[in-house]
Amino acid sequence: MYKGLSITVVIPCLNEEQGIEQVLRRMPEFVDQVIVVDNGSTDRTAEVARSFGARVIREDVRGYGRSYKRGFSEATGDVIITLDGDHSYPPDAISYLLEAFLHLDADFLNASRFPVRDRRAMSFKHKFGNLVLSIAMSLLYFRWVRDSQSGMWVFRRRILEEMNLESDSMAFSEEIKIEALKNPRVRFQEISIQYSSRLGEIKLNPWRDGFYNLWFLLRKRFARRKRR
């Protein structure tokens, strides 16, 4: 519990036994619920997560977005916080982000990785790709977003009811921000964090995922809205 709000942390994982241990060791004690979504790991990710008291949920259908949607469906906190299991996002920044979240009176707070202070954390190719995608999102939705691809967010669980989240892939990261941005009842804010080098194998395919995410941005922007 943090200042009267219950907190759930959701972490998608695929073969992250090295990183998840470091993430959970640094998890603040005030977090009420930690959900690790095991997306078909073949290593000891689930075993390590359980040993630190996390609730492990198995999601056999592969996909970053698929994992998050599964985790969100089990979350009970007033506020949901996300981060990756590879230790690239700082668990000890959660209190800092919550303070900013409350101070800014936000409903959705995006943790931007930029400017990247650790030169080893992100290659020039990844920086350039992120810049292109962030500029594209900003132009399409008329709101500057510094890091459209960030995987660390703080948001009120209740706003999920107003979101139409379709992507099961890496595009989920930009989609959830789009859904927050275009809803006039959701107060969107952004703040910088320290981003570090990941532990374990790299899952991202920069060219494939980059072009797909750009296509997804365009499709999402110009697709007809579905009636609920």
C-alpha atoms as a PDB file:
ATOM      1  CA  MET A   1       0.000   0.000   0.000  1.00  0.00           C
ATOM      2  CA  TYR A   2       1.357   3.437  -0.938  1.00  0.00           C
ATOM      3  CA  LYS A   3      -0.412   6.500   0.479  1.00  0.00           C
ATOM      4  CA  GLY A   4      -3.750   4.723   0.524  1.00  0.00           C
ATOM      5  CA  LEU A   5      -3.378   3.080  -2.882  1.00  0.00           C
ATOM      6  CA  SER A   6      -2.846  -0.655  -3.387  1.00  0.00           C
ATOM      7  CA  ILE A   7      -0.061  -1.389  -5.860  1.00  0.00           C
ATOM      8  CA  THR A   8       0.293  -4.218  -8.379  1.00  0.00           C
ATOM      9  CA  VAL A   9       3.476  -4.723 -10.408  1.00  0.00           C
ATOM     10  CA  VAL A  10       3.149  -6.754 -13.620  1.00  0.00           C
ATOM     11  CA  ILE A  11       6.273  -8.202 -15.254  1.00  0.00           C
ATOM     12  CA  PRO A  12       6.197 -10.154 -18.549  1.00  0.00           C
ATOM     13  CA  CYS A  13       9.019 -12.704 -18.810  1.00  0.00           C
ATOM     14  CA  LEU A  14      10.497 -15.045 -21.377  1.00  0.00           C
ATOM     15  CA  ASN A  15      13.659 -16.812 -20.175  1.00  0.00           C
ATOM     16  CA  GLU A  16      14.670 -14.108 -17.702  1.00  0.00           C
ATOM     17  CA  GLU A  17      15.941 -16.156 -14.750  1.00  0.00           C
ATOM     18  CA  GLN A  18      19.024 -13.950 -14.451  1.00  0.00           C
ATOM     19  CA  GLY A  19      17.243 -10.623 -14.636  1.00  0.00           C
ATOM     20  CA  ILE A  20      14.070 -11.440 -12.697  1.00  0.00           C
ATOM     21  CA  GLU A  21      16.063 -12.301  -9.595  1.00  0.00           C
ATOM     22  CA  GLN A  22      17.662  -8.855  -9.582  1.00  0.00           C
ATOM     23  CA  VAL A  23      14.327  -7.164 -10.279  1.00  0.00           C
ATOM     24  CA  LEU A  24      12.523  -8.916  -7.425  1.00  0.00           C
ATOM     25  CA  ARG A  25      15.390  -8.382  -4.978  1.00  0.00           C
ATOM     26  CA  ARG A  26      14.929  -4.641  -5.479  1.00  0.00           C
ATOM     27  CA  MET A  27      11.136  -4.612  -5.376  1.00  0.00           C
ATOM     28  CA  PRO A  28       9.859  -2.128  -2.733  1.00  0.00           C
ATOM     29  CA  GLU A  29       8.156  -3.672   0.297  1.00  0.00           C
ATOM     30  CA  PHE A  30       5.042  -1.507  -0.098  1.00  0.00           C
ATOM     31  CA  VAL A  31       4.083  -3.299  -3.338  1.00  0.00           C
ATOM     32  CA  ASP A  32       0.998  -5.381  -2.565  1.00  0.00           C
ATOM     33  CA  GLN A  33       1.010  -7.752  -5.527  1.00  0.00           C
ATOM     34  CA  VAL A  34       3.745  -8.844  -7.928  1.00  0.00           C
ATOM     35  CA  ILE A  35       2.585 -10.752 -11.002  1.00  0.00           C
ATOM     36  CA  VAL A  36       5.180 -12.416 -13.223  1.00  0.00           C
ATOM     37  CA  VAL A  37       3.686 -13.577 -16.508  1.00  0.00           C
ATOM     38  CA  ASP A  38       5.781 -16.473 -17.754  1.00  0.00           C
ATOM     39  CA  ASN A  39       5.398 -16.454 -21.533  1.00  0.00           C
ATOM     40  CA  GLY A  40       6.629 -20.004 -22.135  1.00  0.00           C
ATOM     41  CA  SER A  41      10.070 -19.860 -20.532  1.00  0.00           C
ATOM     42  CA  THR A  42      12.305 -22.915 -20.772  1.00  0.00           C
ATOM     43  CA  ASP A  43      14.655 -21.836 -17.995  1.00  0.00           C
ATOM     44  CA  ARG A  44      14.123 -21.293 -14.238  1.00  0.00           C
ATOM     45  CA  THR A  45      12.281 -17.954 -14.564  1.00  0.00           C
ATOM     46  CA  ALA A  46       9.079 -19.200 -12.901  1.00  0.00           C
ATOM     47  CA  GLU A  47      10.926 -21.020 -10.129  1.00  0.00           C
ATOM     48  CA  VAL A  48      13.070 -17.990  -9.302  1.00  0.00           C
ATOM     49  CA  ALA A  49      10.057 -15.650  -9.341  1.00  0.00           C
ATOM     50  CA  ARG A  50       8.086 -17.871  -6.959  1.00  0.00           C
ATOM     51  CA  SER A  51      11.035 -18.067  -4.582  1.00  0.00           C
ATOM     52  CA  PHE A  52      10.771 -14.283  -4.137  1.00  0.00           C
ATOM     53  CA  GLY A  53       7.048 -14.399  -3.449  1.00  0.00           C
ATOM     54  CA  ALA A  54       5.765 -13.355  -6.873  1.00  0.00           C
ATOM     55  CA  ARG A  55       2.571 -14.801  -8.269  1.00  0.00           C
ATOM     56  CA  VAL A  56       3.530 -16.600 -11.483  1.00  0.00           C
ATOM     57  CA  ILE A  57       0.967 -16.917 -14.267  1.00  0.00           C
ATOM     58  CA  ARG A  58       1.721 -19.054 -17.296  1.00  0.00           C
ATOM     59  CA  GLU A  59       0.752 -17.671 -20.697  1.00  0.00           C
ATOM     60  CA  ASP A  60       1.652 -20.150 -23.408  1.00  0.00           C
ATOM     61  CA  VAL A  61       0.607 -17.974 -26.363  1.00  0.00           C
ATOM     62  CA  ARG A  62       3.713 -15.947 -27.139  1.00  0.00           C
ATOM     63  CA  GLY A  63       3.568 -12.179 -27.281  1.00  0.00           C
ATOM     64  CA  TYR A  64       4.518  -9.113 -25.241  1.00  0.00           C
ATOM     65  CA  GLY A  65       1.025  -7.673 -25.409  1.00  0.00           C
ATOM     66  CA  ARG A  66      -0.556 -11.048 -24.787  1.00  0.00           C
ATOM     67  CA  SER A  67       1.467 -11.384 -21.575  1.00  0.00           C
ATOM     68  CA  TYR A  68       0.441  -7.956 -20.344  1.00  0.00           C
ATOM     69  CA  LYS A  69      -3.238  -8.491 -21.029  1.00  0.00           C
ATOM     70  CA  ARG A  70      -3.076 -11.766 -19.117  1.00  0.00           C
ATOM     71  CA  GLY A  71      -1.335 -10.064 -16.196  1.00  0.00           C
ATOM     72  CA  PHE A  72      -3.728  -7.122 -16.140  1.00  0.00           C
ATOM     73  CA  SER A  73      -6.694  -9.490 -15.963  1.00  0.00           C
ATOM     74  CA  GLU A  74      -5.316 -10.836 -12.660  1.00  0.00           C
ATOM     75  CA  ALA A  75      -4.239  -7.497 -11.165  1.00  0.00           C
ATOM     76  CA  THR A  76      -6.109  -6.265  -8.080  1.00  0.00           C
ATOM     77  CA  GLY A  77      -4.250  -3.050  -7.205  1.00  0.00           C
ATOM     78  CA  ASP A  78      -5.646   0.464  -7.542  1.00  0.00           C
ATOM     79  CA  VAL A  79      -2.471   1.308  -9.462  1.00  0.00           C
ATOM     80  CA  ILE A  80      -0.600  -0.953 -11.881  1.00  0.00           C
ATOM     81  CA  ILE A  81       3.107  -0.542 -12.544  1.00  0.00           C
ATOM     82  CA  THR A  82       4.911  -2.376 -15.330  1.00  0.00           C
ATOM     83  CA  LEU A  83       8.540  -3.162 -16.042  1.00  0.00           C
ATOM     84  CA  ASP A  84      10.566  -5.809 -17.844  1.00  0.00           C
ATOM     85  CA  GLY A  85      12.104  -8.871 -16.264  1.00  0.00           C
ATOM     86  CA  ASP A  86      15.548  -8.182 -17.732  1.00  0.00           C
ATOM     87  CA  HIS A  87      16.512  -5.566 -15.100  1.00  0.00           C
ATOM     88  CA  SER A  88      16.742  -2.740 -17.652  1.00  0.00           C
ATOM     89  CA  TYR A  89      14.069  -0.693 -15.851  1.00  0.00           C
ATOM     90  CA  PRO A  90      14.772   0.340 -12.233  1.00  0.00           C
ATOM     91  CA  PRO A  91      12.502  -1.276  -9.590  1.00  0.00           C
ATOM     92  CA  ASP A  92      13.888   1.084  -6.959  1.00  0.00           C
ATOM     93  CA  ALA A  93      12.482   4.021  -8.966  1.00  0.00           C
ATOM     94  CA  ILE A  94       8.926   2.881  -8.269  1.00  0.00           C
ATOM     95  CA  SER A  95       8.512   5.175  -5.255  1.00  0.00           C
ATOM     96  CA  TYR A  96       9.900   8.086  -7.289  1.00  0.00           C
ATOM     97  CA  LEU A  97       7.435   7.357 -10.089  1.00  0.00           C
ATOM     98  CA  LEU A  98       4.519   7.046  -7.691  1.00  0.00           C
ATOM     99  CA  GLU A  99       5.386  10.398  -6.129  1.00  0.00           C
ATOM    100  CA  ALA A 100       5.453  11.977  -9.595  1.00  0.00           C
ATOM    101  CA  PHE A 101       2.227  10.179 -10.511  1.00  0.00           C
ATOM    102  CA  LEU A 102       0.442  11.635  -7.489  1.00  0.00           C
ATOM    103  CA  HIS A 103       2.054  15.089  -7.730  1.00  0.00           C
ATOM    104  CA  LEU A 104       1.083  15.430 -11.406  1.00  0.00           C
ATOM    105  CA  ASP A 105      -2.402  14.066 -10.667  1.00  0.00           C
ATOM    106  CA  ALA A 106      -1.958  11.630 -13.548  1.00  0.00           C
ATOM    107  CA  ASP A 107      -3.995   8.651 -14.645  1.00  0.00           C
ATOM    108  CA  PHE A 108      -1.206   7.300 -16.869  1.00  0.00           C
ATOM    109  CA  LEU A 109       2.480   8.072 -16.344  1.00  0.00           C
ATOM    110  CA  ASN A 110       4.991   6.972 -18.982  1.00  0.00           C
ATOM    111  CA  ALA A 111       8.576   6.390 -17.810  1.00  0.00           C
ATOM    112  CA  SER A 112      10.799   7.689 -20.601  1.00  0.00           C
ATOM    113  CA  ARG A 113      14.239   6.129 -21.087  1.00  0.00           C
ATOM    114  CA  PHE A 114      15.543   9.303 -22.684  1.00  0.00           C
ATOM    115  CA  PRO A 115      18.042  10.807 -22.394  1.00  0.00           C
ATOM    116  CA  VAL A 116      19.885   7.466 -22.097  1.00  0.00           C
ATOM    117  CA  ARG A 117      22.726   7.993 -19.628  1.00  0.00           C
ATOM    118  CA  ASP A 118      24.230   4.512 -19.829  1.00  0.00           C
ATOM    119  CA  ARG A 119      25.868   4.211 -23.254  1.00  0.00           C
ATOM    120  CA  ARG A 120      25.783   0.414 -23.048  1.00  0.00           C
ATOM    121  CA  ALA A 121      22.025   0.323 -22.476  1.00  0.00           C
ATOM    122  CA  MET A 122      20.911   1.191 -26.009  1.00  0.00           C
ATOM    123  CA  SER A 123      22.632   1.107 -29.396  1.00  0.00           C
ATOM    124  CA  PHE A 124      22.491   3.994 -31.850  1.00  0.00           C
ATOM    125  CA  LYS A 125      20.226   1.863 -34.076  1.00  0.00           C
ATOM    126  CA  HIS A 126      17.728   1.399 -31.253  1.00  0.00           C
ATOM    127  CA  LYS A 127      17.889   5.093 -30.311  1.00  0.00           C
ATOM    128  CA  PHE A 128      17.203   6.116 -33.904  1.00  0.00           C
ATOM    129  CA  GLY A 129      14.338   3.639 -34.254  1.00  0.00           C
ATOM    130  CA  ASN A 130      12.754   4.837 -31.023  1.00  0.00           C
ATOM    131  CA  LEU A 131      13.057   8.447 -32.167  1.00  0.00           C
ATOM    132  CA  VAL A 132      11.341   7.704 -35.486  1.00  0.00           C
ATOM    133  CA  LEU A 133       8.477   5.855 -33.775  1.00  0.00           C
ATOM    134  CA  SER A 134       8.054   8.525 -31.107  1.00  0.00           C
ATOM    135  CA  ILE A 135       7.952  11.314 -33.690  1.00  0.00           C
ATOM    136  CA  ALA A 136       5.444   9.319 -35.752  1.00  0.00           C
ATOM    137  CA  MET A 137       3.166   8.821 -32.748  1.00  0.00           C
ATOM    138  CA  SER A 138       3.472  12.466 -31.733  1.00  0.00           C
ATOM    139  CA  LEU A 139       2.521  13.681 -35.202  1.00  0.00           C
ATOM    140  CA  LEU A 140      -0.356  11.234 -35.585  1.00  0.00           C
ATOM    141  CA  TYR A 141      -1.886  11.997 -32.182  1.00  0.00           C
ATOM    142  CA  PHE A 142      -0.928  15.676 -31.784  1.00  0.00           C
ATOM    143  CA  ARG A 143       0.870  15.195 -28.471  1.00  0.00           C
ATOM    144  CA  TRP A 144       4.622  15.019 -27.910  1.00  0.00           C
ATOM    145  CA  VAL A 145       5.666  11.658 -26.460  1.00  0.00           C
ATOM    146  CA  ARG A 146       9.379  11.320 -25.840  1.00  0.00           C
ATOM    147  CA  ASP A 147       9.424   7.528 -25.544  1.00  0.00           C
ATOM    148  CA  SER A 148       6.584   5.756 -27.327  1.00  0.00           C
ATOM    149  CA  GLN A 149       8.239   2.352 -26.828  1.00  0.00           C
ATOM    150  CA  SER A 150       8.941   2.479 -23.090  1.00  0.00           C
ATOM    151  CA  GLY A 151       7.884  -0.606 -21.156  1.00  0.00           C
ATOM    152  CA  MET A 152       7.559   1.035 -17.733  1.00  0.00           C
ATOM    153  CA  TRP A 153       4.245   2.702 -16.927  1.00  0.00           C
ATOM    154  CA  VAL A 154       2.218   3.702 -13.891  1.00  0.00           C
ATOM    155  CA  PHE A 155      -1.547   3.884 -14.330  1.00  0.00           C
ATOM    156  CA  ARG A 156      -4.859   3.573 -12.535  1.00  0.00           C
ATOM    157  CA  ARG A 157      -6.309   0.113 -13.099  1.00  0.00           C
ATOM    158  CA  ARG A 158      -9.804   1.480 -13.704  1.00  0.00           C
ATOM    159  CA  ILE A 159      -8.773   3.136 -17.000  1.00  0.00           C
ATOM    160  CA  LEU A 160      -8.289  -0.305 -18.568  1.00  0.00           C
ATOM    161  CA  GLU A 161     -12.078  -0.531 -18.838  1.00  0.00           C
ATOM    162  CA  GLU A 162     -12.024   2.354 -21.319  1.00  0.00           C
ATOM    163  CA  MET A 163      -9.202   0.978 -23.480  1.00  0.00           C
ATOM    164  CA  ASN A 164      -9.457  -1.046 -26.670  1.00  0.00           C
ATOM    165  CA  LEU A 165      -6.203  -3.030 -26.517  1.00  0.00           C
ATOM    166  CA  GLU A 166      -5.821  -5.344 -29.504  1.00  0.00           C
ATOM    167  CA  SER A 167      -2.105  -5.988 -29.984  1.00  0.00           C
ATOM    168  CA  ASP A 168      -0.529  -9.188 -28.680  1.00  0.00           C
ATOM    169  CA  SER A 169       2.936  -8.141 -29.854  1.00  0.00           C
ATOM    170  CA  MET A 170       5.562  -5.510 -29.053  1.00  0.00           C
ATOM    171  CA  ALA A 171       3.191  -2.877 -30.481  1.00  0.00           C
ATOM    172  CA  PHE A 172       1.193  -3.188 -27.265  1.00  0.00           C
ATOM    173  CA  SER A 173       3.622  -0.740 -25.652  1.00  0.00           C
ATOM    174  CA  GLU A 174       2.638   2.064 -28.019  1.00  0.00           C
ATOM    175  CA  GLU A 175      -1.001   1.000 -28.171  1.00  0.00           C
ATOM    176  CA  ILE A 176      -1.649   1.410 -24.447  1.00  0.00           C
ATOM    177  CA  LYS A 177      -0.173   4.924 -24.611  1.00  0.00           C
ATOM    178  CA  ILE A 178      -2.333   5.768 -27.624  1.00  0.00           C
ATOM    179  CA  GLU A 179      -5.448   4.619 -25.772  1.00  0.00           C
ATOM    180  CA  ALA A 180      -4.483   6.815 -22.828  1.00  0.00           C
ATOM    181  CA  LEU A 181      -3.621   9.820 -25.004  1.00  0.00           C
ATOM    182  CA  LYS A 182      -6.816   9.875 -27.034  1.00  0.00           C
ATOM    183  CA  ASN A 183      -9.135   9.581 -24.036  1.00  0.00           C
ATOM    184  CA  PRO A 184     -10.005  13.089 -22.774  1.00  0.00           C
ATOM    185  CA  ARG A 185     -10.805  11.633 -19.341  1.00  0.00           C
ATOM    186  CA  VAL A 186      -7.290  10.211 -18.917  1.00  0.00           C
ATOM    187  CA  ARG A 187      -4.528  12.555 -17.753  1.00  0.00           C
ATOM    188  CA  PHE A 188      -1.311  11.475 -19.517  1.00  0.00           C
ATOM    189  CA  GLN A 189       2.102  12.509 -18.202  1.00  0.00           C
ATOM    190  CA  GLU A 190       5.704  11.503 -18.872  1.00  0.00           C
ATOM    191  CA  ILE A 191       8.871  11.561 -16.782  1.00  0.00           C
ATOM    192  CA  SER A 192      12.458  10.373 -17.323  1.00  0.00           C
ATOM    193  CA  ILE A 193      14.058   7.393 -15.579  1.00  0.00           C
ATOM    194  CA  GLN A 194      17.467   5.742 -15.521  1.00  0.00           C
ATOM    195  CA  TYR A 195      17.632   2.946 -18.109  1.00  0.00           C
ATOM    196  CA  SER A 196      20.289   0.220 -17.811  1.00  0.00           C
ATOM    197  CA  SER A 197      21.808  -2.610 -19.828  1.00  0.00           C
ATOM    198  CA  ARG A 198      19.604  -5.685 -19.874  1.00  0.00           C
ATOM    199  CA  LEU A 199      20.574  -9.038 -18.370  1.00  0.00           C
ATOM    200  CA  GLY A 200      20.122 -12.141 -20.512  1.00  0.00           C
ATOM    201  CA  GLU A 201      19.361 -12.674 -24.197  1.00  0.00           C
ATOM    202  CA  ILE A 202      17.864  -9.993 -26.427  1.00  0.00           C
ATOM    203  CA  LYS A 203      14.391 -10.868 -27.754  1.00  0.00           C
ATOM    204  CA  LEU A 204      13.760  -7.734 -29.827  1.00  0.00           C
ATOM    205  CA  ASN A 205      14.294  -7.820 -33.593  1.00  0.00           C
ATOM    206  CA  PRO A 206      14.864  -4.107 -34.321  1.00  0.00           C
ATOM    207  CA  TRP A 207      14.049  -4.114 -38.045  1.00  0.00           C
ATOM    208  CA  ARG A 208      11.079  -6.469 -37.934  1.00  0.00           C
ATOM    209  CA  ASP A 209       9.554  -5.002 -34.772  1.00  0.00           C
ATOM    210  CA  GLY A 210      10.366  -1.423 -35.765  1.00  0.00           C
ATOM    211  CA  PHE A 211       8.617  -1.589 -39.132  1.00  0.00           C
ATOM    212  CA  TYR A 212       5.691  -3.518 -37.667  1.00  0.00           C
ATOM    213  CA  ASN A 213       5.243  -0.928 -34.915  1.00  0.00           C
ATOM    214  CA  LEU A 214       5.297   1.889 -37.465  1.00  0.00           C
ATOM    215  CA  TRP A 215       2.663   0.082 -39.550  1.00  0.00           C
ATOM    216  CA  PHE A 216       0.603  -0.527 -36.402  1.00  0.00           C
ATOM    217  CA  LEU A 217       0.696   3.199 -35.542  1.00  0.00           C
ATOM    218  CA  LEU A 218      -0.713   4.084 -38.947  1.00  0.00           C
ATOM    219  CA  ARG A 219      -3.327   1.331 -38.861  1.00  0.00           C
ATOM    220  CA  LYS A 220      -4.442   2.283 -35.363  1.00  0.00           C
ATOM    221  CA  ARG A 221      -4.709   5.956 -36.277  1.00  0.00           C
ATOM    222  CA  PHE A 222      -6.794   5.540 -39.404  1.00  0.00           C
ATOM    223  CA  ALA A 223      -8.813   2.418 -38.614  1.00  0.00           C
ATOM    224  CA  ARG A 224     -12.535   2.759 -38.096  1.00  0.00           C
ATOM    225  CA  ARG A 225     -13.539   2.773 -34.468  1.00  0.00           C
ATOM    226  CA  LYS A 226     -15.347  -0.317 -33.321  1.00  0.00           C
ATOM    227  CA  ARG A 227     -18.675   0.089 -31.594  1.00  0.00           C
ATOM    228  CA  ARG A 228     -18.833  -1.266 -28.067  1.00  0.00           C
END
